[in-house]
């Protein structure tokens, strides 16, 4: 898989993309990262990439000509047939990002992420070139770089062989728990590790029993209880 990020601040991604699981995935050849500096496609000697909004208002808007040239520098060399490519824009007014979307994006050959900035992006660019606007929450940030990192982190870990144990993806929050006759998405059950006793609190006995059937039932019950308490909306 290849992930391309269009941003005004490419240096922000250097350490992020080379560290931990994301960095190891790239070294193994499971994913390729590319950052494109939108500023290089700005206008004039000052490489202007933004202008004041028509109709008035505060802030600046990213220009469609600069963004289009930046995007075309990536797309033009690509195959035109049977190439699984998607272009998304990080936007506070986009569709809320969920685990199910992360799974879909992880199946692509190429994901292009555009980091919005300033007051927003010229709508003409969005209409013509953006497949989907995505938001990571109902709040405002200074730019799309941090949201882009969230998308990348959640997507890359789902690529086959990125995590050492595929089972790690099976029973985590927002993954699918089979509860006949319906399928629900639950929060993950509580986890425990050594020491068995700490400050008077002991690990639940069932987890030390070795009875995998009982452990599975306990985990499912705790997942249901936690979801009902914290995210009851998921049970609807």
C-alpha atoms as a PDB file:
ATOM      1  CA  UNK A   1       0.000   0.000   0.000  1.00  0.00           C
ATOM      2  CA  UNK A   2       1.121   3.558  -0.678  1.00  0.00           C
ATOM      3  CA  UNK A   3       0.044   6.566   1.371  1.00  0.00           C
ATOM      4  CA  UNK A   4       0.628  10.075   0.036  1.00  0.00           C
ATOM      5  CA  UNK A   5       0.118  13.136   2.208  1.00  0.00           C
ATOM      6  CA  UNK A   6      -0.395  16.627   0.753  1.00  0.00           C
ATOM      7  CA  UNK A   7       0.529  19.145   3.412  1.00  0.00           C
ATOM      8  CA  UNK A   8       2.004  22.565   4.075  1.00  0.00           C
ATOM      9  CA  UNK A   9       4.139  21.042   6.833  1.00  0.00           C
ATOM     10  CA  UNK A  10       5.802  17.845   5.543  1.00  0.00           C
ATOM     11  CA  UNK A  11       8.458  17.913   8.266  1.00  0.00           C
ATOM     12  CA  UNK A  12       5.804  17.135  10.864  1.00  0.00           C
ATOM     13  CA  UNK A  13       5.522  13.604   9.457  1.00  0.00           C
ATOM     14  CA  UNK A  14       9.215  12.640   9.444  1.00  0.00           C
ATOM     15  CA  UNK A  15       9.467  11.222  12.954  1.00  0.00           C
ATOM     16  CA  UNK A  16       5.883   9.971  13.015  1.00  0.00           C
ATOM     17  CA  UNK A  17       6.199   7.829   9.880  1.00  0.00           C
ATOM     18  CA  UNK A  18       9.605   6.420  10.789  1.00  0.00           C
ATOM     19  CA  UNK A  19       8.783   5.381  14.362  1.00  0.00           C
ATOM     20  CA  UNK A  20       7.338   2.295  16.014  1.00  0.00           C
ATOM     21  CA  UNK A  21       4.928   0.073  14.062  1.00  0.00           C
ATOM     22  CA  UNK A  22       4.567   2.547  11.181  1.00  0.00           C
ATOM     23  CA  UNK A  23       8.311   2.693  10.653  1.00  0.00           C
ATOM     24  CA  UNK A  24       8.731  -1.083  10.845  1.00  0.00           C
ATOM     25  CA  UNK A  25       5.909  -1.570   8.330  1.00  0.00           C
ATOM     26  CA  UNK A  26       7.736   0.662   5.849  1.00  0.00           C
ATOM     27  CA  UNK A  27      11.044  -1.156   6.397  1.00  0.00           C
ATOM     28  CA  UNK A  28       9.313  -4.470   5.690  1.00  0.00           C
ATOM     29  CA  UNK A  29       7.951  -3.087   2.418  1.00  0.00           C
ATOM     30  CA  UNK A  30       4.328  -3.415   3.565  1.00  0.00           C
ATOM     31  CA  UNK A  31       3.606   0.290   3.113  1.00  0.00           C
ATOM     32  CA  UNK A  32       5.234   3.230   1.358  1.00  0.00           C
ATOM     33  CA  UNK A  33       4.891   6.812   2.580  1.00  0.00           C
ATOM     34  CA  UNK A  34       5.185   9.967   0.517  1.00  0.00           C
ATOM     35  CA  UNK A  35       4.790  13.590   1.578  1.00  0.00           C
ATOM     36  CA  UNK A  36       4.150  16.376  -0.922  1.00  0.00           C
ATOM     37  CA  UNK A  37       4.739  19.999   0.047  1.00  0.00           C
ATOM     38  CA  UNK A  38       1.791  22.028  -1.256  1.00  0.00           C
ATOM     39  CA  UNK A  39       3.880  25.178  -0.856  1.00  0.00           C
ATOM     40  CA  UNK A  40       6.080  24.147  -3.789  1.00  0.00           C
ATOM     41  CA  UNK A  41       3.078  24.651  -6.066  1.00  0.00           C
ATOM     42  CA  UNK A  42       2.267  28.119  -4.743  1.00  0.00           C
ATOM     43  CA  UNK A  43       2.064  31.207  -6.930  1.00  0.00           C
ATOM     44  CA  UNK A  44       4.817  33.790  -7.469  1.00  0.00           C
ATOM     45  CA  UNK A  45       8.158  34.160  -5.763  1.00  0.00           C
ATOM     46  CA  UNK A  46       6.480  33.921  -2.355  1.00  0.00           C
ATOM     47  CA  UNK A  47       4.765  30.626  -3.295  1.00  0.00           C
ATOM     48  CA  UNK A  48       1.316  31.816  -2.219  1.00  0.00           C
ATOM     49  CA  UNK A  49      -1.117  28.936  -1.620  1.00  0.00           C
ATOM     50  CA  UNK A  50      -4.047  30.783  -0.050  1.00  0.00           C
ATOM     51  CA  UNK A  51      -6.295  33.789  -0.669  1.00  0.00           C
ATOM     52  CA  UNK A  52      -9.093  35.658   1.065  1.00  0.00           C
ATOM     53  CA  UNK A  53     -12.556  34.122   0.685  1.00  0.00           C
ATOM     54  CA  UNK A  54     -14.901  35.619  -1.899  1.00  0.00           C
ATOM     55  CA  UNK A  55     -17.891  37.150  -0.181  1.00  0.00           C
ATOM     56  CA  UNK A  56     -15.821  38.252   2.791  1.00  0.00           C
ATOM     57  CA  UNK A  57     -15.180  36.630   6.128  1.00  0.00           C
ATOM     58  CA  UNK A  58     -12.275  35.851   8.400  1.00  0.00           C
ATOM     59  CA  UNK A  59      -9.342  33.626   7.544  1.00  0.00           C
ATOM     60  CA  UNK A  60      -7.767  32.425   4.336  1.00  0.00           C
ATOM     61  CA  UNK A  61      -8.770  29.655   1.912  1.00  0.00           C
ATOM     62  CA  UNK A  62      -6.405  27.208   0.204  1.00  0.00           C
ATOM     63  CA  UNK A  63      -6.330  27.920  -3.532  1.00  0.00           C
ATOM     64  CA  UNK A  64      -7.646  25.323  -5.944  1.00  0.00           C
ATOM     65  CA  UNK A  65      -4.887  25.943  -8.518  1.00  0.00           C
ATOM     66  CA  UNK A  66      -2.068  25.179  -6.068  1.00  0.00           C
ATOM     67  CA  UNK A  67      -3.846  22.095  -4.722  1.00  0.00           C
ATOM     68  CA  UNK A  68      -4.690  20.818  -8.197  1.00  0.00           C
ATOM     69  CA  UNK A  69      -1.100  21.050  -9.380  1.00  0.00           C
ATOM     70  CA  UNK A  70       0.133  19.309  -6.237  1.00  0.00           C
ATOM     71  CA  UNK A  71      -2.391  16.500  -6.665  1.00  0.00           C
ATOM     72  CA  UNK A  72      -1.725  16.108 -10.396  1.00  0.00           C
ATOM     73  CA  UNK A  73       1.985  15.696  -9.703  1.00  0.00           C
ATOM     74  CA  UNK A  74       1.033  12.487  -7.915  1.00  0.00           C
ATOM     75  CA  UNK A  75      -1.822  11.206 -10.049  1.00  0.00           C
ATOM     76  CA  UNK A  76      -0.460  11.857 -13.553  1.00  0.00           C
ATOM     77  CA  UNK A  77       2.141   9.040 -13.515  1.00  0.00           C
ATOM     78  CA  UNK A  78      -0.274   6.472 -12.062  1.00  0.00           C
ATOM     79  CA  UNK A  79      -2.047   3.700 -13.999  1.00  0.00           C
ATOM     80  CA  UNK A  80      -5.568   4.565 -15.120  1.00  0.00           C
ATOM     81  CA  UNK A  81      -7.079   1.053 -15.084  1.00  0.00           C
ATOM     82  CA  UNK A  82      -7.775  -1.237 -12.128  1.00  0.00           C
ATOM     83  CA  UNK A  83      -5.828   0.977  -9.744  1.00  0.00           C
ATOM     84  CA  UNK A  84      -7.394   1.234  -6.293  1.00  0.00           C
ATOM     85  CA  UNK A  85      -6.887   4.890  -5.453  1.00  0.00           C
ATOM     86  CA  UNK A  86      -8.837   7.135  -3.115  1.00  0.00           C
ATOM     87  CA  UNK A  87      -8.356  10.817  -2.294  1.00  0.00           C
ATOM     88  CA  UNK A  88      -9.620  12.066   1.049  1.00  0.00           C
ATOM     89  CA  UNK A  89      -9.611  15.525   2.598  1.00  0.00           C
ATOM     90  CA  UNK A  90      -9.259  15.995   6.336  1.00  0.00           C
ATOM     91  CA  UNK A  91     -12.100  18.363   7.220  1.00  0.00           C
ATOM     92  CA  UNK A  92     -14.060  19.226  10.349  1.00  0.00           C
ATOM     93  CA  UNK A  93     -17.219  19.078   8.221  1.00  0.00           C
ATOM     94  CA  UNK A  94     -16.453  15.604   6.890  1.00  0.00           C
ATOM     95  CA  UNK A  95     -17.938  12.191   7.673  1.00  0.00           C
ATOM     96  CA  UNK A  96     -16.984  10.953  11.174  1.00  0.00           C
ATOM     97  CA  UNK A  97     -14.105   8.469  11.007  1.00  0.00           C
ATOM     98  CA  UNK A  98     -14.814   4.977  12.328  1.00  0.00           C
ATOM     99  CA  UNK A  99     -13.041   1.641  12.535  1.00  0.00           C
ATOM    100  CA  UNK A 100     -15.136   0.287   9.682  1.00  0.00           C
ATOM    101  CA  UNK A 101     -13.797   3.064   7.438  1.00  0.00           C
ATOM    102  CA  UNK A 102     -10.241   2.251   8.491  1.00  0.00           C
ATOM    103  CA  UNK A 103     -10.767  -1.353   7.324  1.00  0.00           C
ATOM    104  CA  UNK A 104     -12.026  -0.199   3.935  1.00  0.00           C
ATOM    105  CA  UNK A 105      -9.134   2.199   3.424  1.00  0.00           C
ATOM    106  CA  UNK A 106      -6.599  -0.473   4.370  1.00  0.00           C
ATOM    107  CA  UNK A 107      -7.630  -2.494   1.292  1.00  0.00           C
ATOM    108  CA  UNK A 108      -6.581   0.229  -1.167  1.00  0.00           C
ATOM    109  CA  UNK A 109      -3.449   0.245  -3.273  1.00  0.00           C
ATOM    110  CA  UNK A 110      -3.006   3.973  -2.829  1.00  0.00           C
ATOM    111  CA  UNK A 111      -4.480   6.432  -0.351  1.00  0.00           C
ATOM    112  CA  UNK A 112      -3.994  10.174  -0.840  1.00  0.00           C
ATOM    113  CA  UNK A 113      -4.655  12.354   2.208  1.00  0.00           C
ATOM    114  CA  UNK A 114      -4.992  16.118   1.822  1.00  0.00           C
ATOM    115  CA  UNK A 115      -4.430  18.180   4.943  1.00  0.00           C
ATOM    116  CA  UNK A 116      -6.699  21.193   5.048  1.00  0.00           C
ATOM    117  CA  UNK A 117      -5.516  24.417   6.643  1.00  0.00           C
ATOM    118  CA  UNK A 118      -6.553  27.994   7.315  1.00  0.00           C
ATOM    119  CA  UNK A 119     -10.287  28.599   6.834  1.00  0.00           C
ATOM    120  CA  UNK A 120     -10.725  25.669   4.456  1.00  0.00           C
ATOM    121  CA  UNK A 121     -10.297  24.544   0.853  1.00  0.00           C
ATOM    122  CA  UNK A 122     -11.799  26.030  -2.314  1.00  0.00           C
ATOM    123  CA  UNK A 123     -15.007  24.058  -2.939  1.00  0.00           C
ATOM    124  CA  UNK A 124     -14.214  23.672  -6.643  1.00  0.00           C
ATOM    125  CA  UNK A 125     -11.217  21.525  -5.764  1.00  0.00           C
ATOM    126  CA  UNK A 126     -13.288  19.410  -3.390  1.00  0.00           C
ATOM    127  CA  UNK A 127     -16.041  18.864  -5.952  1.00  0.00           C
ATOM    128  CA  UNK A 128     -13.665  17.790  -8.693  1.00  0.00           C
ATOM    129  CA  UNK A 129     -10.863  15.915  -6.964  1.00  0.00           C
ATOM    130  CA  UNK A 130     -11.868  14.761  -3.472  1.00  0.00           C
ATOM    131  CA  UNK A 131     -13.574  11.378  -3.091  1.00  0.00           C
ATOM    132  CA  UNK A 132     -14.505  11.883   0.539  1.00  0.00           C
ATOM    133  CA  UNK A 133     -14.153  14.409   3.357  1.00  0.00           C
ATOM    134  CA  UNK A 134     -13.359  12.806   6.719  1.00  0.00           C
ATOM    135  CA  UNK A 135     -13.445  14.231  10.243  1.00  0.00           C
ATOM    136  CA  UNK A 136     -11.898  12.689  13.368  1.00  0.00           C
ATOM    137  CA  UNK A 137     -14.297  14.467  15.720  1.00  0.00           C
ATOM    138  CA  UNK A 138     -16.626  17.355  16.390  1.00  0.00           C
ATOM    139  CA  UNK A 139     -13.949  19.928  17.169  1.00  0.00           C
ATOM    140  CA  UNK A 140     -11.626  22.275  15.298  1.00  0.00           C
ATOM    141  CA  UNK A 141      -7.857  21.956  14.888  1.00  0.00           C
ATOM    142  CA  UNK A 142      -5.353  24.324  13.286  1.00  0.00           C
ATOM    143  CA  UNK A 143      -4.835  21.990  10.349  1.00  0.00           C
ATOM    144  CA  UNK A 144      -5.337  18.519   8.946  1.00  0.00           C
ATOM    145  CA  UNK A 145      -1.914  17.143   9.822  1.00  0.00           C
ATOM    146  CA  UNK A 146      -2.824  15.593  13.180  1.00  0.00           C
ATOM    147  CA  UNK A 147      -6.063  14.087  11.790  1.00  0.00           C
ATOM    148  CA  UNK A 148      -4.051  12.677   8.870  1.00  0.00           C
ATOM    149  CA  UNK A 149      -1.736  10.982  11.358  1.00  0.00           C
ATOM    150  CA  UNK A 150      -4.758   9.453  13.081  1.00  0.00           C
ATOM    151  CA  UNK A 151      -5.985   8.033   9.767  1.00  0.00           C
ATOM    152  CA  UNK A 152      -2.561   6.675   8.843  1.00  0.00           C
ATOM    153  CA  UNK A 153      -2.001   5.021  12.216  1.00  0.00           C
ATOM    154  CA  UNK A 154      -5.425   3.355  12.256  1.00  0.00           C
ATOM    155  CA  UNK A 155      -5.169   2.162   8.638  1.00  0.00           C
ATOM    156  CA  UNK A 156      -1.586   0.885   8.558  1.00  0.00           C
ATOM    157  CA  UNK A 157      -2.005  -1.391  11.587  1.00  0.00           C
ATOM    158  CA  UNK A 158      -4.790  -3.187   9.674  1.00  0.00           C
ATOM    159  CA  UNK A 159      -2.580  -4.038   6.699  1.00  0.00           C
ATOM    160  CA  UNK A 160      -1.818  -7.793   6.733  1.00  0.00           C
ATOM    161  CA  UNK A 161       1.483  -8.694   8.452  1.00  0.00           C
ATOM    162  CA  UNK A 162       1.968  -5.236   9.979  1.00  0.00           C
ATOM    163  CA  UNK A 163       1.066  -6.499  13.450  1.00  0.00           C
ATOM    164  CA  UNK A 164       2.924  -9.575  14.588  1.00  0.00           C
ATOM    165  CA  UNK A 165      -0.251 -11.373  15.691  1.00  0.00           C
ATOM    166  CA  UNK A 166      -3.384 -11.016  13.517  1.00  0.00           C
ATOM    167  CA  UNK A 167      -5.464 -12.075  16.521  1.00  0.00           C
ATOM    168  CA  UNK A 168      -4.704  -8.661  18.054  1.00  0.00           C
ATOM    169  CA  UNK A 169      -7.256  -7.187  15.652  1.00  0.00           C
ATOM    170  CA  UNK A 170     -10.052  -9.607  16.399  1.00  0.00           C
ATOM    171  CA  UNK A 171     -11.260  -8.566  19.848  1.00  0.00           C
ATOM    172  CA  UNK A 172     -10.469  -4.890  20.278  1.00  0.00           C
ATOM    173  CA  UNK A 173     -12.757  -1.903  20.628  1.00  0.00           C
ATOM    174  CA  UNK A 174     -15.033  -1.371  17.622  1.00  0.00           C
ATOM    175  CA  UNK A 175     -14.161  -4.761  16.150  1.00  0.00           C
ATOM    176  CA  UNK A 176     -17.012  -7.173  15.523  1.00  0.00           C
ATOM    177  CA  UNK A 177     -18.282  -9.409  18.310  1.00  0.00           C
ATOM    178  CA  UNK A 178     -20.619 -12.181  17.192  1.00  0.00           C
ATOM    179  CA  UNK A 179     -23.766 -12.060  19.296  1.00  0.00           C
ATOM    180  CA  UNK A 180     -26.455 -14.160  17.596  1.00  0.00           C
ATOM    181  CA  UNK A 181     -28.749 -13.256  16.038  1.00  0.00           C
ATOM    182  CA  UNK A 182     -27.081  -9.860  15.503  1.00  0.00           C
ATOM    183  CA  UNK A 183     -23.562  -8.492  15.129  1.00  0.00           C
ATOM    184  CA  UNK A 184     -22.596  -5.658  17.459  1.00  0.00           C
ATOM    185  CA  UNK A 185     -19.542  -3.495  17.827  1.00  0.00           C
ATOM    186  CA  UNK A 186     -18.422  -3.342  21.446  1.00  0.00           C
ATOM    187  CA  UNK A 187     -15.679  -1.720  23.447  1.00  0.00           C
ATOM    188  CA  UNK A 188     -12.875  -4.058  24.377  1.00  0.00           C
ATOM    189  CA  UNK A 189     -13.050  -5.917  27.682  1.00  0.00           C
ATOM    190  CA  UNK A 190     -10.663  -4.972  30.553  1.00  0.00           C
ATOM    191  CA  UNK A 191      -7.103  -6.297  30.312  1.00  0.00           C
ATOM    192  CA  UNK A 192      -4.795  -7.420  33.144  1.00  0.00           C
ATOM    193  CA  UNK A 193      -1.143  -8.432  33.439  1.00  0.00           C
ATOM    194  CA  UNK A 194       1.502  -9.039  36.143  1.00  0.00           C
ATOM    195  CA  UNK A 195       1.677  -8.638  39.071  1.00  0.00           C
ATOM    196  CA  UNK A 196      -1.325 -10.789  40.001  1.00  0.00           C
ATOM    197  CA  UNK A 197      -1.877  -8.687  43.134  1.00  0.00           C
ATOM    198  CA  UNK A 198      -1.248  -4.946  43.382  1.00  0.00           C
ATOM    199  CA  UNK A 199      -2.209  -2.595  46.217  1.00  0.00           C
ATOM    200  CA  UNK A 200      -4.755  -5.096  47.492  1.00  0.00           C
ATOM    201  CA  UNK A 201      -6.412  -5.632  44.094  1.00  0.00           C
ATOM    202  CA  UNK A 202      -6.236  -9.083  42.499  1.00  0.00           C
ATOM    203  CA  UNK A 203      -6.614 -10.134  38.875  1.00  0.00           C
ATOM    204  CA  UNK A 204     -10.056 -11.760  38.322  1.00  0.00           C
ATOM    205  CA  UNK A 205      -9.791 -15.462  39.132  1.00  0.00           C
ATOM    206  CA  UNK A 206     -11.364 -16.573  35.851  1.00  0.00           C
ATOM    207  CA  UNK A 207      -8.396 -15.170  33.911  1.00  0.00           C
ATOM    208  CA  UNK A 208      -6.046 -17.395  35.918  1.00  0.00           C
ATOM    209  CA  UNK A 209      -8.206 -20.507  35.588  1.00  0.00           C
ATOM    210  CA  UNK A 210      -6.990 -21.707  32.189  1.00  0.00           C
ATOM    211  CA  UNK A 211     -10.609 -22.382  31.219  1.00  0.00           C
ATOM    212  CA  UNK A 212     -10.768 -20.722  27.805  1.00  0.00           C
ATOM    213  CA  UNK A 213     -14.521 -21.171  27.483  1.00  0.00           C
ATOM    214  CA  UNK A 214     -15.195 -19.378  30.754  1.00  0.00           C
ATOM    215  CA  UNK A 215     -12.634 -16.679  29.917  1.00  0.00           C
ATOM    216  CA  UNK A 216     -14.369 -16.020  26.603  1.00  0.00           C
ATOM    217  CA  UNK A 217     -17.760 -15.702  28.315  1.00  0.00           C
ATOM    218  CA  UNK A 218     -16.302 -13.383  30.977  1.00  0.00           C
ATOM    219  CA  UNK A 219     -14.694 -11.139  28.369  1.00  0.00           C
ATOM    220  CA  UNK A 220     -17.897 -10.897  26.372  1.00  0.00           C
ATOM    221  CA  UNK A 221     -19.894 -10.002  29.474  1.00  0.00           C
ATOM    222  CA  UNK A 222     -17.376  -7.343  30.507  1.00  0.00           C
ATOM    223  CA  UNK A 223     -17.338  -5.915  26.977  1.00  0.00           C
ATOM    224  CA  UNK A 224     -21.121  -5.599  27.090  1.00  0.00           C
ATOM    225  CA  UNK A 225     -21.036  -3.961  30.534  1.00  0.00           C
ATOM    226  CA  UNK A 226     -18.344  -1.486  29.501  1.00  0.00           C
ATOM    227  CA  UNK A 227     -20.124  -0.595  26.270  1.00  0.00           C
ATOM    228  CA  UNK A 228     -23.449  -0.104  28.061  1.00  0.00           C
ATOM    229  CA  UNK A 229     -21.793   2.215  30.578  1.00  0.00           C
ATOM    230  CA  UNK A 230     -19.544   4.286  28.278  1.00  0.00           C
ATOM    231  CA  UNK A 231     -21.004   3.987  24.747  1.00  0.00           C
ATOM    232  CA  UNK A 232     -24.631   2.822  24.980  1.00  0.00           C
ATOM    233  CA  UNK A 233     -25.208   4.230  21.497  1.00  0.00           C
ATOM    234  CA  UNK A 234     -23.249   1.295  20.056  1.00  0.00           C
ATOM    235  CA  UNK A 235     -25.834  -1.155  21.397  1.00  0.00           C
ATOM    236  CA  UNK A 236     -28.641   0.400  19.400  1.00  0.00           C
END
